Amino acid sequence: MTEQTDTPKRRAVREAAEVMRAAKPALHKAIVEAKLDGAKVGEIAADSGYAREQVRRILRANGIEAD
């Protein structure tokens, strides 16, 4: 088994991941609002960096049928 070492680079990865986790609710809200404002799934995907299917999942989780 390989020994796991906590390094500054690994801490940086964890810190960056935490920033992303904290931003996720705001991004999901913006995705829903963009769709309600008439944006297409492909446009939202391009703007968010998410795949089209991930955008659809977020919309469905918020009660919105995606195109």
N, C-alpha and C. Protein backbone atom coordinates (compact mmCIF):
# COMPACT_ATOMS: atom_id res chain seq x y z
N MET A 1 0.85 -1.18 0.00
CA MET A 1 0.00 0.00 0.00
C MET A 1 0.89 1.24 0.00
N THR A 2 0.46 2.26 -0.71
CA THR A 2 1.23 3.49 -0.83
C THR A 2 0.91 4.42 0.33
N GLU A 3 1.95 5.02 0.89
CA GLU A 3 1.75 5.97 1.98
C GLU A 3 1.22 7.28 1.40
N GLN A 4 0.21 7.84 2.03
CA GLN A 4 -0.36 9.10 1.58
C GLN A 4 0.30 10.25 2.34
N THR A 5 0.79 11.21 1.61
CA THR A 5 1.47 12.35 2.20
C THR A 5 0.66 13.61 1.93
N ASP A 6 0.45 14.37 2.99
CA ASP A 6 -0.24 15.64 2.83
C ASP A 6 0.79 16.69 2.43
N THR A 7 0.64 17.21 1.23
CA THR A 7 1.59 18.19 0.71
C THR A 7 0.87 19.51 0.44
N PRO A 8 1.61 20.58 0.27
CA PRO A 8 0.97 21.86 -0.07
C PRO A 8 0.13 21.78 -1.34
N LYS A 9 0.58 21.01 -2.32
CA LYS A 9 -0.17 20.87 -3.58
C LYS A 9 -1.50 20.16 -3.34
N ARG A 10 -1.48 19.11 -2.51
CA ARG A 10 -2.73 18.40 -2.22
C ARG A 10 -3.67 19.28 -1.42
N ARG A 11 -3.14 20.06 -0.49
CA ARG A 11 -3.99 21.00 0.26
C ARG A 11 -4.60 22.02 -0.69
N ALA A 12 -3.82 22.48 -1.66
CA ALA A 12 -4.34 23.44 -2.64
C ALA A 12 -5.49 22.84 -3.44
N VAL A 13 -5.37 21.57 -3.78
CA VAL A 13 -6.46 20.89 -4.51
C VAL A 13 -7.71 20.85 -3.63
N ARG A 14 -7.56 20.47 -2.37
CA ARG A 14 -8.72 20.40 -1.47
C ARG A 14 -9.36 21.78 -1.28
N GLU A 15 -8.53 22.80 -1.15
CA GLU A 15 -9.07 24.15 -0.98
C GLU A 15 -9.82 24.62 -2.23
N ALA A 16 -9.27 24.34 -3.40
CA ALA A 16 -9.95 24.71 -4.65
C ALA A 16 -11.26 23.95 -4.80
N ALA A 17 -11.25 22.68 -4.42
CA ALA A 17 -12.48 21.87 -4.49
C ALA A 17 -13.54 22.44 -3.55
N GLU A 18 -13.14 22.92 -2.40
CA GLU A 18 -14.09 23.50 -1.45
C GLU A 18 -14.69 24.79 -2.02
N VAL A 19 -13.89 25.59 -2.70
CA VAL A 19 -14.41 26.80 -3.34
C VAL A 19 -15.47 26.42 -4.37
N MET A 20 -15.20 25.38 -5.14
CA MET A 20 -16.16 24.93 -6.15
C MET A 20 -17.44 24.42 -5.50
N ARG A 21 -17.30 23.65 -4.41
CA ARG A 21 -18.50 23.15 -3.71
C ARG A 21 -19.33 24.31 -3.18
N ALA A 22 -18.68 25.33 -2.66
CA ALA A 22 -19.40 26.48 -2.11
C ALA A 22 -20.11 27.27 -3.20
N ALA A 23 -19.56 27.29 -4.41
CA ALA A 23 -20.15 28.06 -5.51
C ALA A 23 -21.26 27.32 -6.23
N LYS A 24 -21.33 26.01 -6.04
CA LYS A 24 -22.29 25.19 -6.79
C LYS A 24 -23.74 25.64 -6.64
N PRO A 25 -24.24 25.93 -5.43
CA PRO A 25 -25.65 26.35 -5.33
C PRO A 25 -25.95 27.61 -6.13
N ALA A 26 -25.04 28.57 -6.13
CA ALA A 26 -25.26 29.80 -6.90
C ALA A 26 -25.26 29.51 -8.39
N LEU A 27 -24.38 28.63 -8.84
CA LEU A 27 -24.34 28.26 -10.26
C LEU A 27 -25.62 27.55 -10.66
N HIS A 28 -26.10 26.63 -9.83
CA HIS A 28 -27.33 25.91 -10.15
C HIS A 28 -28.51 26.87 -10.21
N LYS A 29 -28.56 27.82 -9.29
CA LYS A 29 -29.64 28.81 -9.30
C LYS A 29 -29.57 29.64 -10.58
N ALA A 30 -28.37 30.04 -10.98
CA ALA A 30 -28.22 30.83 -12.21
C ALA A 30 -28.62 30.02 -13.43
N ILE A 31 -28.34 28.73 -13.43
CA ILE A 31 -28.74 27.85 -14.54
C ILE A 31 -30.26 27.81 -14.66
N VAL A 32 -30.93 27.64 -13.53
CA VAL A 32 -32.39 27.60 -13.52
C VAL A 32 -32.95 28.94 -14.00
N GLU A 33 -32.41 30.03 -13.50
CA GLU A 33 -32.90 31.35 -13.89
C GLU A 33 -32.68 31.62 -15.38
N ALA A 34 -31.54 31.19 -15.90
CA ALA A 34 -31.26 31.38 -17.33
C ALA A 34 -32.27 30.61 -18.17
N LYS A 35 -32.58 29.38 -17.76
CA LYS A 35 -33.55 28.57 -18.51
C LYS A 35 -34.93 29.22 -18.46
N LEU A 36 -35.33 29.69 -17.28
CA LEU A 36 -36.63 30.34 -17.15
C LEU A 36 -36.68 31.63 -17.97
N ASP A 37 -35.52 32.22 -18.22
CA ASP A 37 -35.44 33.44 -19.02
C ASP A 37 -35.38 33.15 -20.52
N GLY A 38 -35.39 31.84 -20.88
CA GLY A 38 -35.45 31.48 -22.29
C GLY A 38 -34.18 30.93 -22.90
N ALA A 39 -33.12 30.80 -22.12
CA ALA A 39 -31.87 30.27 -22.67
C ALA A 39 -32.04 28.79 -23.01
N LYS A 40 -31.32 28.35 -24.02
CA LYS A 40 -31.35 26.94 -24.42
C LYS A 40 -30.32 26.16 -23.62
N VAL A 41 -30.55 24.87 -23.48
CA VAL A 41 -29.65 24.01 -22.72
C VAL A 41 -28.22 24.12 -23.25
N GLY A 42 -28.06 24.10 -24.56
CA GLY A 42 -26.73 24.20 -25.15
C GLY A 42 -26.02 25.50 -24.80
N GLU A 43 -26.78 26.58 -24.77
CA GLU A 43 -26.21 27.87 -24.40
C GLU A 43 -25.76 27.87 -22.94
N ILE A 44 -26.62 27.33 -22.09
CA ILE A 44 -26.29 27.26 -20.66
C ILE A 44 -25.08 26.37 -20.44
N ALA A 45 -25.03 25.26 -21.16
CA ALA A 45 -23.88 24.35 -21.04
C ALA A 45 -22.59 25.07 -21.44
N ALA A 46 -22.63 25.80 -22.53
CA ALA A 46 -21.43 26.52 -22.99
C ALA A 46 -21.00 27.57 -21.97
N ASP A 47 -21.98 28.25 -21.39
CA ASP A 47 -21.67 29.31 -20.42
C ASP A 47 -21.17 28.76 -19.10
N SER A 48 -21.69 27.60 -18.69
CA SER A 48 -21.38 27.07 -17.36
C SER A 48 -20.17 26.15 -17.34
N GLY A 49 -19.84 25.59 -18.49
CA GLY A 49 -18.77 24.59 -18.51
C GLY A 49 -19.26 23.19 -18.21
N TYR A 50 -20.55 23.06 -17.92
CA TYR A 50 -21.15 21.75 -17.69
C TYR A 50 -21.54 21.12 -19.03
N ALA A 51 -21.62 19.81 -19.05
CA ALA A 51 -22.15 19.11 -20.22
C ALA A 51 -23.66 19.36 -20.29
N ARG A 52 -24.21 19.25 -21.50
CA ARG A 52 -25.65 19.46 -21.68
C ARG A 52 -26.47 18.56 -20.76
N GLU A 53 -26.06 17.31 -20.62
CA GLU A 53 -26.81 16.38 -19.77
C GLU A 53 -26.78 16.81 -18.31
N GLN A 54 -25.66 17.34 -17.85
CA GLN A 54 -25.59 17.82 -16.47
C GLN A 54 -26.53 19.01 -16.27
N VAL A 55 -26.59 19.89 -17.26
CA VAL A 55 -27.53 21.01 -17.18
C VAL A 55 -28.96 20.48 -17.10
N ARG A 56 -29.27 19.49 -17.93
CA ARG A 56 -30.62 18.89 -17.89
C ARG A 56 -30.92 18.30 -16.51
N ARG A 57 -29.95 17.62 -15.91
CA ARG A 57 -30.15 17.04 -14.58
C ARG A 57 -30.46 18.13 -13.55
N ILE A 58 -29.71 19.20 -13.62
CA ILE A 58 -29.93 20.31 -12.68
C ILE A 58 -31.32 20.89 -12.87
N LEU A 59 -31.72 21.07 -14.12
CA LEU A 59 -33.05 21.61 -14.40
C LEU A 59 -34.14 20.66 -13.91
N ARG A 60 -34.01 19.37 -14.22
CA ARG A 60 -35.02 18.40 -13.77
C ARG A 60 -35.10 18.36 -12.25
N ALA A 61 -33.96 18.46 -11.58
CA ALA A 61 -33.95 18.45 -10.11
C ALA A 61 -34.69 19.66 -9.54
N ASN A 62 -34.85 20.69 -10.37
CA ASN A 62 -35.56 21.89 -9.96
C ASN A 62 -36.94 21.99 -10.60
N GLY A 63 -37.44 20.86 -11.11
CA GLY A 63 -38.79 20.80 -11.64
C GLY A 63 -38.98 21.41 -13.01
N ILE A 64 -37.90 21.53 -13.78
CA ILE A 64 -37.98 22.14 -15.10
C ILE A 64 -37.62 21.09 -16.15
N GLU A 65 -38.50 20.89 -17.11
CA GLU A 65 -38.21 19.97 -18.21
C GLU A 65 -37.29 20.68 -19.19
N ALA A 66 -36.21 20.03 -19.51
CA ALA A 66 -35.25 20.62 -20.45
C ALA A 66 -35.62 20.26 -21.88
N ASP A 67 -35.18 21.11 -22.81
CA ASP A 67 -35.44 20.86 -24.23
C ASP A 67 -34.51 19.82 -24.78
